[in-house]
Amino acid sequence: MTLPPTGLFVEPFGSLLFEDAVDIFKEQAHGLIDGGVDLFVIETMMDIQEARAALIAVKELSDAFTIVTMTYEPGERLWAEQTLLPRL
């Protein structure tokens, strides 16, 4: 089951605290786990910190297989000039 972006950017690019993002994704993941999900897809993320928050939330609650997809701008960059590799 998918976990889409919140629509907010995590600090320092937005107002959402990282810990709050983790909590938001944990709430979603709890409901999916209770429903019997066996696969998570964290999808179309533009902010690497938000993707990290979602992945941490899922992995703290479940060992289900998890896929993360990102949305890139030209030049292999994420939103706000974030690069992927140094952030992982």
PDB file of N, CA and C in Angstrom:
ATOM      1  N   MET A   1       0.846  -1.170   0.000  1.00  0.00           N
ATOM      2  CA  MET A   1       0.000   0.000   0.000  1.00  0.00           C
ATOM      3  C   MET A   1       0.893   1.235   0.000  1.00  0.00           C
ATOM      4  N   THR A   2       0.423   2.310  -0.584  1.00  0.00           N
ATOM      5  CA  THR A   2       1.264   3.488  -0.763  1.00  0.00           C
ATOM      6  C   THR A   2       1.170   4.469   0.406  1.00  0.00           C
ATOM      7  N   LEU A   3       2.302   5.144   0.633  1.00  0.00           N
ATOM      8  CA  LEU A   3       2.384   6.276   1.552  1.00  0.00           C
ATOM      9  C   LEU A   3       2.816   7.468   0.705  1.00  0.00           C
ATOM     10  N   PRO A   4       1.886   8.356   0.354  1.00  0.00           N
ATOM     11  CA  PRO A   4       2.226   9.503  -0.480  1.00  0.00           C
ATOM     12  C   PRO A   4       2.845  10.634   0.339  1.00  0.00           C
ATOM     13  N   PRO A   5       3.374  11.654  -0.323  1.00  0.00           N
ATOM     14  CA  PRO A   5       3.914  12.809   0.394  1.00  0.00           C
ATOM     15  C   PRO A   5       2.831  13.510   1.211  1.00  0.00           C
ATOM     16  N   THR A   6       3.259  14.234   2.240  1.00  0.00           N
ATOM     17  CA  THR A   6       2.324  14.981   3.081  1.00  0.00           C
ATOM     18  C   THR A   6       1.834  16.255   2.405  1.00  0.00           C
ATOM     19  N   GLY A   7       2.600  16.737   1.434  1.00  0.00           N
ATOM     20  CA  GLY A   7       2.296  18.023   0.829  1.00  0.00           C
ATOM     21  C   GLY A   7       3.023  19.168   1.513  1.00  0.00           C
ATOM     22  N   LEU A   8       3.791  18.828   2.549  1.00  0.00           N
ATOM     23  CA  LEU A   8       4.584  19.809   3.284  1.00  0.00           C
ATOM     24  C   LEU A   8       6.057  19.472   3.136  1.00  0.00           C
ATOM     25  N   PHE A   9       6.908  20.472   3.273  1.00  0.00           N
ATOM     26  CA  PHE A   9       8.346  20.225   3.226  1.00  0.00           C
ATOM     27  C   PHE A   9       8.907  20.203   4.637  1.00  0.00           C
ATOM     28  N   VAL A  10       9.850  19.303   4.855  1.00  0.00           N
ATOM     29  CA  VAL A  10      10.511  19.154   6.155  1.00  0.00           C
ATOM     30  C   VAL A  10      11.567  20.246   6.297  1.00  0.00           C
ATOM     31  N   GLU A  11      11.726  20.725   7.539  1.00  0.00           N
ATOM     32  CA  GLU A  11      12.759  21.736   7.808  1.00  0.00           C
ATOM     33  C   GLU A  11      14.103  21.267   7.283  1.00  0.00           C
ATOM     34  N   PRO A  12      14.961  22.071   6.745  1.00  0.00           N
ATOM     35  CA  PRO A  12      14.936  23.532   6.743  1.00  0.00           C
ATOM     36  C   PRO A  12      14.215  24.129   5.531  1.00  0.00           C
ATOM     37  N   PHE A  13      13.669  23.298   4.658  1.00  0.00           N
ATOM     38  CA  PHE A  13      13.013  23.805   3.444  1.00  0.00           C
ATOM     39  C   PHE A  13      11.547  24.128   3.669  1.00  0.00           C
ATOM     40  N   GLY A  14      10.997  23.690   4.782  1.00  0.00           N
ATOM     41  CA  GLY A  14       9.598  23.943   5.101  1.00  0.00           C
ATOM     42  C   GLY A  14       9.401  24.015   6.598  1.00  0.00           C
ATOM     43  N   SER A  15       8.148  23.998   7.005  1.00  0.00           N
ATOM     44  CA  SER A  15       7.827  24.182   8.421  1.00  0.00           C
ATOM     45  C   SER A  15       7.617  22.876   9.178  1.00  0.00           C
ATOM     46  N   LEU A  16       7.595  21.747   8.495  1.00  0.00           N
ATOM     47  CA  LEU A  16       7.330  20.462   9.137  1.00  0.00           C
ATOM     48  C   LEU A  16       8.585  19.942   9.833  1.00  0.00           C
ATOM     49  N   LEU A  17       8.487  19.705  11.146  1.00  0.00           N
ATOM     50  CA  LEU A  17       9.610  19.124  11.876  1.00  0.00           C
ATOM     51  C   LEU A  17       9.786  17.665  11.463  1.00  0.00           C
ATOM     52  N   PHE A  18      11.038  17.201  11.409  1.00  0.00           N
ATOM     53  CA  PHE A  18      11.321  15.832  10.999  1.00  0.00           C
ATOM     54  C   PHE A  18      10.572  14.829  11.879  1.00  0.00           C
ATOM     55  N   GLU A  19      10.616  15.032  13.188  1.00  0.00           N
ATOM     56  CA  GLU A  19       9.951  14.114  14.125  1.00  0.00           C
ATOM     57  C   GLU A  19       8.442  14.087  13.902  1.00  0.00           C
ATOM     58  N   ASP A  20       7.869  15.246  13.560  1.00  0.00           N
ATOM     59  CA  ASP A  20       6.434  15.288  13.261  1.00  0.00           C
ATOM     60  C   ASP A  20       6.118  14.525  11.981  1.00  0.00           C
ATOM     61  N   ALA A  21       7.003  14.611  11.006  1.00  0.00           N
ATOM     62  CA  ALA A  21       6.820  13.860   9.761  1.00  0.00           C
ATOM     63  C   ALA A  21       6.832  12.359  10.045  1.00  0.00           C
ATOM     64  N   VAL A  22       7.780  11.919  10.873  1.00  0.00           N
ATOM     65  CA  VAL A  22       7.829  10.495  11.246  1.00  0.00           C
ATOM     66  C   VAL A  22       6.506  10.087  11.889  1.00  0.00           C
ATOM     67  N   ASP A  23       6.004  10.902  12.807  1.00  0.00           N
ATOM     68  CA  ASP A  23       4.738  10.591  13.486  1.00  0.00           C
ATOM     69  C   ASP A  23       3.569  10.512  12.509  1.00  0.00           C
ATOM     70  N   ILE A  24       3.519  11.433  11.551  1.00  0.00           N
ATOM     71  CA  ILE A  24       2.454  11.413  10.543  1.00  0.00           C
ATOM     72  C   ILE A  24       2.484  10.102   9.759  1.00  0.00           C
ATOM     73  N   PHE A  25       3.673   9.703   9.330  1.00  0.00           N
ATOM     74  CA  PHE A  25       3.785   8.466   8.546  1.00  0.00           C
ATOM     75  C   PHE A  25       3.535   7.232   9.408  1.00  0.00           C
ATOM     76  N   LYS A  26       3.912   7.286  10.695  1.00  0.00           N
ATOM     77  CA  LYS A  26       3.619   6.155  11.591  1.00  0.00           C
ATOM     78  C   LYS A  26       2.110   5.956  11.728  1.00  0.00           C
ATOM     79  N   GLU A  27       1.385   7.054  11.841  1.00  0.00           N
ATOM     80  CA  GLU A  27      -0.071   6.958  11.958  1.00  0.00           C
ATOM     81  C   GLU A  27      -0.661   6.274  10.723  1.00  0.00           C
ATOM     82  N   GLN A  28      -0.196   6.672   9.543  1.00  0.00           N
ATOM     83  CA  GLN A  28      -0.678   6.050   8.310  1.00  0.00           C
ATOM     84  C   GLN A  28      -0.284   4.577   8.253  1.00  0.00           C
ATOM     85  N   ALA A  29       0.970   4.298   8.600  1.00  0.00           N
ATOM     86  CA  ALA A  29       1.472   2.924   8.529  1.00  0.00           C
ATOM     87  C   ALA A  29       0.728   2.014   9.507  1.00  0.00           C
ATOM     88  N   HIS A  30       0.421   2.515  10.707  1.00  0.00           N
ATOM     89  CA  HIS A  30      -0.350   1.719  11.677  1.00  0.00           C
ATOM     90  C   HIS A  30      -1.661   1.240  11.071  1.00  0.00           C
ATOM     91  N   GLY A  31      -2.377   2.155  10.430  1.00  0.00           N
ATOM     92  CA  GLY A  31      -3.650   1.777   9.826  1.00  0.00           C
ATOM     93  C   GLY A  31      -3.490   0.735   8.739  1.00  0.00           C
ATOM     94  N   LEU A  32      -2.439   0.889   7.943  1.00  0.00           N
ATOM     95  CA  LEU A  32      -2.197  -0.074   6.870  1.00  0.00           C
ATOM     96  C   LEU A  32      -1.794  -1.442   7.432  1.00  0.00           C
ATOM     97  N   ILE A  33      -0.961  -1.421   8.457  1.00  0.00           N
ATOM     98  CA  ILE A  33      -0.552  -2.688   9.093  1.00  0.00           C
ATOM     99  C   ILE A  33      -1.769  -3.380   9.699  1.00  0.00           C
ATOM    100  N   ASP A  34      -2.616  -2.617  10.382  1.00  0.00           N
ATOM    101  CA  ASP A  34      -3.835  -3.186  10.960  1.00  0.00           C
ATOM    102  C   ASP A  34      -4.734  -3.781   9.881  1.00  0.00           C
ATOM    103  N   GLY A  35      -4.670  -3.228   8.688  1.00  0.00           N
ATOM    104  CA  GLY A  35      -5.458  -3.739   7.565  1.00  0.00           C
ATOM    105  C   GLY A  35      -4.828  -4.919   6.856  1.00  0.00           C
ATOM    106  N   GLY A  36      -3.610  -5.321   7.276  1.00  0.00           N
ATOM    107  CA  GLY A  36      -2.976  -6.511   6.725  1.00  0.00           C
ATOM    108  C   GLY A  36      -2.025  -6.268   5.566  1.00  0.00           C
ATOM    109  N   VAL A  37      -1.544  -5.050   5.407  1.00  0.00           N
ATOM    110  CA  VAL A  37      -0.634  -4.765   4.298  1.00  0.00           C
ATOM    111  C   VAL A  37       0.640  -5.607   4.416  1.00  0.00           C
ATOM    112  N   ASP A  38       1.169  -6.038   3.285  1.00  0.00           N
ATOM    113  CA  ASP A  38       2.420  -6.815   3.306  1.00  0.00           C
ATOM    114  C   ASP A  38       3.521  -6.168   2.466  1.00  0.00           C
ATOM    115  N   LEU A  39       3.251  -4.959   1.929  1.00  0.00           N
ATOM    116  CA  LEU A  39       4.217  -4.227   1.119  1.00  0.00           C
ATOM    117  C   LEU A  39       3.908  -2.741   1.250  1.00  0.00           C
ATOM    118  N   PHE A  40       4.951  -1.935   1.428  1.00  0.00           N
ATOM    119  CA  PHE A  40       4.790  -0.483   1.466  1.00  0.00           C
ATOM    120  C   PHE A  40       5.488   0.126   0.260  1.00  0.00           C
ATOM    121  N   VAL A  41       4.840   1.126  -0.338  1.00  0.00           N
ATOM    122  CA  VAL A  41       5.452   1.917  -1.400  1.00  0.00           C
ATOM    123  C   VAL A  41       5.377   3.378  -0.964  1.00  0.00           C
ATOM    124  N   ILE A  42       6.526   3.940  -0.633  1.00  0.00           N
ATOM    125  CA  ILE A  42       6.644   5.351  -0.299  1.00  0.00           C
ATOM    126  C   ILE A  42       6.894   6.036  -1.628  1.00  0.00           C
ATOM    127  N   GLU A  43       5.893   6.812  -2.109  1.00  0.00           N
ATOM    128  CA  GLU A  43       5.926   7.171  -3.522  1.00  0.00           C
ATOM    129  C   GLU A  43       5.958   8.664  -3.816  1.00  0.00           C
ATOM    130  N   THR A  44       6.586   8.948  -4.929  1.00  0.00           N
ATOM    131  CA  THR A  44       6.706  10.282  -5.538  1.00  0.00           C
ATOM    132  C   THR A  44       7.169  11.364  -4.565  1.00  0.00           C
ATOM    133  N   MET A  45       8.158  11.039  -3.763  1.00  0.00           N
ATOM    134  CA  MET A  45       8.715  12.006  -2.817  1.00  0.00           C
ATOM    135  C   MET A  45       9.615  13.000  -3.553  1.00  0.00           C
ATOM    136  N   MET A  46       9.510  14.269  -3.166  1.00  0.00           N
ATOM    137  CA  MET A  46      10.365  15.314  -3.721  1.00  0.00           C
ATOM    138  C   MET A  46      11.427  15.765  -2.720  1.00  0.00           C
ATOM    139  N   ASP A  47      11.207  15.477  -1.444  1.00  0.00           N
ATOM    140  CA  ASP A  47      12.077  15.920  -0.362  1.00  0.00           C
ATOM    141  C   ASP A  47      12.705  14.683   0.271  1.00  0.00           C
ATOM    142  N   ILE A  48      14.023  14.581   0.223  1.00  0.00           N
ATOM    143  CA  ILE A  48      14.706  13.397   0.748  1.00  0.00           C
ATOM    144  C   ILE A  48      14.466  13.224   2.242  1.00  0.00           C
ATOM    145  N   GLN A  49      14.310  14.328   2.970  1.00  0.00           N
ATOM    146  CA  GLN A  49      14.050  14.221   4.409  1.00  0.00           C
ATOM    147  C   GLN A  49      12.658  13.635   4.665  1.00  0.00           C
ATOM    148  N   GLU A  50      11.699  13.991   3.840  1.00  0.00           N
ATOM    149  CA  GLU A  50      10.369  13.415   3.991  1.00  0.00           C
ATOM    150  C   GLU A  50      10.396  11.923   3.652  1.00  0.00           C
ATOM    151  N   ALA A  51      11.146  11.551   2.637  1.00  0.00           N
ATOM    152  CA  ALA A  51      11.285  10.137   2.290  1.00  0.00           C
ATOM    153  C   ALA A  51      11.935   9.363   3.439  1.00  0.00           C
ATOM    154  N   ARG A  52      12.977   9.951   4.042  1.00  0.00           N
ATOM    155  CA  ARG A  52      13.632   9.326   5.210  1.00  0.00           C
ATOM    156  C   ARG A  52      12.650   9.146   6.355  1.00  0.00           C
ATOM    157  N   ALA A  53      11.849  10.181   6.616  1.00  0.00           N
ATOM    158  CA  ALA A  53      10.867  10.120   7.707  1.00  0.00           C
ATOM    159  C   ALA A  53       9.872   8.985   7.470  1.00  0.00           C
ATOM    160  N   ALA A  54       9.396   8.857   6.255  1.00  0.00           N
ATOM    161  CA  ALA A  54       8.441   7.789   5.932  1.00  0.00           C
ATOM    162  C   ALA A  54       9.083   6.418   6.088  1.00  0.00           C
ATOM    163  N   LEU A  55      10.308   6.275   5.614  1.00  0.00           N
ATOM    164  CA  LEU A  55      10.988   4.983   5.718  1.00  0.00           C
ATOM    165  C   LEU A  55      11.271   4.620   7.172  1.00  0.00           C
ATOM    166  N   ILE A  56      11.716   5.574   7.948  1.00  0.00           N
ATOM    167  CA  ILE A  56      11.953   5.317   9.374  1.00  0.00           C
ATOM    168  C   ILE A  56      10.650   4.901  10.053  1.00  0.00           C
ATOM    169  N   ALA A  57       9.571   5.595   9.762  1.00  0.00           N
ATOM    170  CA  ALA A  57       8.272   5.265  10.363  1.00  0.00           C
ATOM    171  C   ALA A  57       7.874   3.828  10.058  1.00  0.00           C
ATOM    172  N   VAL A  58       7.982   3.443   8.794  1.00  0.00           N
ATOM    173  CA  VAL A  58       7.595   2.090   8.401  1.00  0.00           C
ATOM    174  C   VAL A  58       8.499   1.058   9.067  1.00  0.00           C
ATOM    175  N   LYS A  59       9.801   1.289   9.038  1.00  0.00           N
ATOM    176  CA  LYS A  59      10.740   0.294   9.561  1.00  0.00           C
ATOM    177  C   LYS A  59      10.692   0.179  11.083  1.00  0.00           C
ATOM    178  N   GLU A  60      10.236   1.228  11.781  1.00  0.00           N
ATOM    179  CA  GLU A  60      10.068   1.127  13.227  1.00  0.00           C
ATOM    180  C   GLU A  60       8.849   0.290  13.593  1.00  0.00           C
ATOM    181  N   LEU A  61       7.924   0.125  12.661  1.00  0.00           N
ATOM    182  CA  LEU A  61       6.683  -0.602  12.927  1.00  0.00           C
ATOM    183  C   LEU A  61       6.600  -1.965  12.266  1.00  0.00           C
ATOM    184  N   SER A  62       7.376  -2.184  11.212  1.00  0.00           N
ATOM    185  CA  SER A  62       7.190  -3.384  10.409  1.00  0.00           C
ATOM    186  C   SER A  62       8.485  -3.770   9.696  1.00  0.00           C
ATOM    187  N   ASP A  63       8.611  -5.039   9.402  1.00  0.00           N
ATOM    188  CA  ASP A  63       9.734  -5.478   8.576  1.00  0.00           C
ATOM    189  C   ASP A  63       9.251  -5.841   7.163  1.00  0.00           C
ATOM    190  N   ALA A  64       8.076  -5.316   6.801  1.00  0.00           N
ATOM    191  CA  ALA A  64       7.522  -5.549   5.456  1.00  0.00           C
ATOM    192  C   ALA A  64       8.444  -4.937   4.398  1.00  0.00           C
ATOM    193  N   PHE A  65       8.481  -5.552   3.243  1.00  0.00           N
ATOM    194  CA  PHE A  65       9.251  -5.032   2.122  1.00  0.00           C
ATOM    195  C   PHE A  65       8.764  -3.626   1.810  1.00  0.00           C
ATOM    196  N   THR A  66       9.714  -2.700   1.559  1.00  0.00           N
ATOM    197  CA  THR A  66       9.367  -1.299   1.335  1.00  0.00           C
ATOM    198  C   THR A  66      10.117  -0.756   0.128  1.00  0.00           C
ATOM    199  N   ILE A  67       9.390  -0.070  -0.744  1.00  0.00           N
ATOM    200  CA  ILE A  67       9.949   0.573  -1.933  1.00  0.00           C
ATOM    201  C   ILE A  67       9.802   2.083  -1.745  1.00  0.00           C
ATOM    202  N   VAL A  68      10.851   2.837  -2.094  1.00  0.00           N
ATOM    203  CA  VAL A  68      10.793   4.294  -2.040  1.00  0.00           C
ATOM    204  C   VAL A  68      11.042   4.828  -3.446  1.00  0.00           C
ATOM    205  N   THR A  69      10.140   5.690  -3.919  1.00  0.00           N
ATOM    206  CA  THR A  69      10.354   6.332  -5.218  1.00  0.00           C
ATOM    207  C   THR A  69      10.473   7.838  -5.011  1.00  0.00           C
ATOM    208  N   MET A  70      11.334   8.441  -5.824  1.00  0.00           N
ATOM    209  CA  MET A  70      11.601   9.871  -5.729  1.00  0.00           C
ATOM    210  C   MET A  70      11.271  10.539  -7.058  1.00  0.00           C
ATOM    211  N   THR A  71      10.949  11.821  -7.000  1.00  0.00           N
ATOM    212  CA  THR A  71      10.721  12.627  -8.183  1.00  0.00           C
ATOM    213  C   THR A  71      11.930  13.530  -8.374  1.00  0.00           C
ATOM    214  N   TYR A  72      12.551  13.457  -9.540  1.00  0.00           N
ATOM    215  CA  TYR A  72      13.761  14.214  -9.827  1.00  0.00           C
ATOM    216  C   TYR A  72      13.499  15.361 -10.784  1.00  0.00           C
ATOM    217  N   GLU A  73      14.312  16.388 -10.648  1.00  0.00           N
ATOM    218  CA  GLU A  73      14.334  17.480 -11.612  1.00  0.00           C
ATOM    219  C   GLU A  73      15.481  17.205 -12.585  1.00  0.00           C
ATOM    220  N   PRO A  74      15.571  17.952 -13.686  1.00  0.00           N
ATOM    221  CA  PRO A  74      16.693  17.749 -14.606  1.00  0.00           C
ATOM    222  C   PRO A  74      18.033  17.859 -13.879  1.00  0.00           C
ATOM    223  N   GLY A  75      18.978  17.039 -14.287  1.00  0.00           N
ATOM    224  CA  GLY A  75      20.296  17.064 -13.672  1.00  0.00           C
ATOM    225  C   GLY A  75      20.398  16.168 -12.449  1.00  0.00           C
ATOM    226  N   GLU A  76      19.471  15.219 -12.310  1.00  0.00           N
ATOM    227  CA  GLU A  76      19.473  14.255 -11.208  1.00  0.00           C
ATOM    228  C   GLU A  76      19.438  14.927  -9.844  1.00  0.00           C
ATOM    229  N   ARG A  77      18.679  15.976  -9.726  1.00  0.00           N
ATOM    230  CA  ARG A  77      18.529  16.677  -8.452  1.00  0.00           C
ATOM    231  C   ARG A  77      17.080  16.572  -7.996  1.00  0.00           C
ATOM    232  N   LEU A  78      16.940  16.576  -6.686  1.00  0.00           N
ATOM    233  CA  LEU A  78      15.617  16.630  -6.103  1.00  0.00           C
ATOM    234  C   LEU A  78      15.216  18.085  -5.940  1.00  0.00           C
ATOM    235  N   TRP A  79      14.078  18.318  -5.365  1.00  0.00           N
ATOM    236  CA  TRP A  79      13.593  19.668  -5.123  1.00  0.00           C
ATOM    237  C   TRP A  79      14.622  20.460  -4.313  1.00  0.00           C
ATOM    238  N   ALA A  80      14.724  21.746  -4.545  1.00  0.00           N
ATOM    239  CA  ALA A  80      15.608  22.669  -3.812  1.00  0.00           C
ATOM    240  C   ALA A  80      17.073  22.260  -3.895  1.00  0.00           C
ATOM    241  N   GLU A  81      17.461  21.723  -5.040  1.00  0.00           N
ATOM    242  CA  GLU A  81      18.872  21.370  -5.281  1.00  0.00           C
ATOM    243  C   GLU A  81      19.406  20.272  -4.371  1.00  0.00           C
ATOM    244  N   GLN A  82      18.530  19.518  -3.744  1.00  0.00           N
ATOM    245  CA  GLN A  82      18.992  18.395  -2.935  1.00  0.00           C
ATOM    246  C   GLN A  82      19.525  17.317  -3.867  1.00  0.00           C
ATOM    247  N   THR A  83      20.644  16.723  -3.496  1.00  0.00           N
ATOM    248  CA  THR A  83      21.155  15.573  -4.234  1.00  0.00           C
ATOM    249  C   THR A  83      20.863  14.331  -3.398  1.00  0.00           C
ATOM    250  N   LEU A  84      20.756  13.212  -4.054  1.00  0.00           N
ATOM    251  CA  LEU A  84      20.320  11.996  -3.367  1.00  0.00           C
ATOM    252  C   LEU A  84      21.426  11.331  -2.558  1.00  0.00           C
ATOM    253  N   LEU A  85      22.544  11.034  -3.157  1.00  0.00           N
ATOM    254  CA  LEU A  85      23.550  10.197  -2.499  1.00  0.00           C
ATOM    255  C   LEU A  85      24.087  10.742  -1.174  1.00  0.00           C
ATOM    256  N   PRO A  86      24.447  12.007  -1.072  1.00  0.00           N
ATOM    257  CA  PRO A  86      24.966  12.481   0.210  1.00  0.00           C
ATOM    258  C   PRO A  86      23.952  12.439   1.339  1.00  0.00           C
ATOM    259  N   ARG A  87      22.693  12.311   1.024  1.00  0.00           N
ATOM    260  CA  ARG A  87      21.646  12.374   2.037  1.00  0.00           C
ATOM    261  C   ARG A  87      21.263  10.997   2.592  1.00  0.00           C
ATOM    262  N   LEU A  88      21.667   9.935   1.925  1.00  0.00           N
ATOM    263  CA  LEU A  88      21.231   8.606   2.356  1.00  0.00           C
ATOM    264  C   LEU A  88      21.916   8.111   3.570  1.00  0.00           C
TER     265      LEU A  88
END
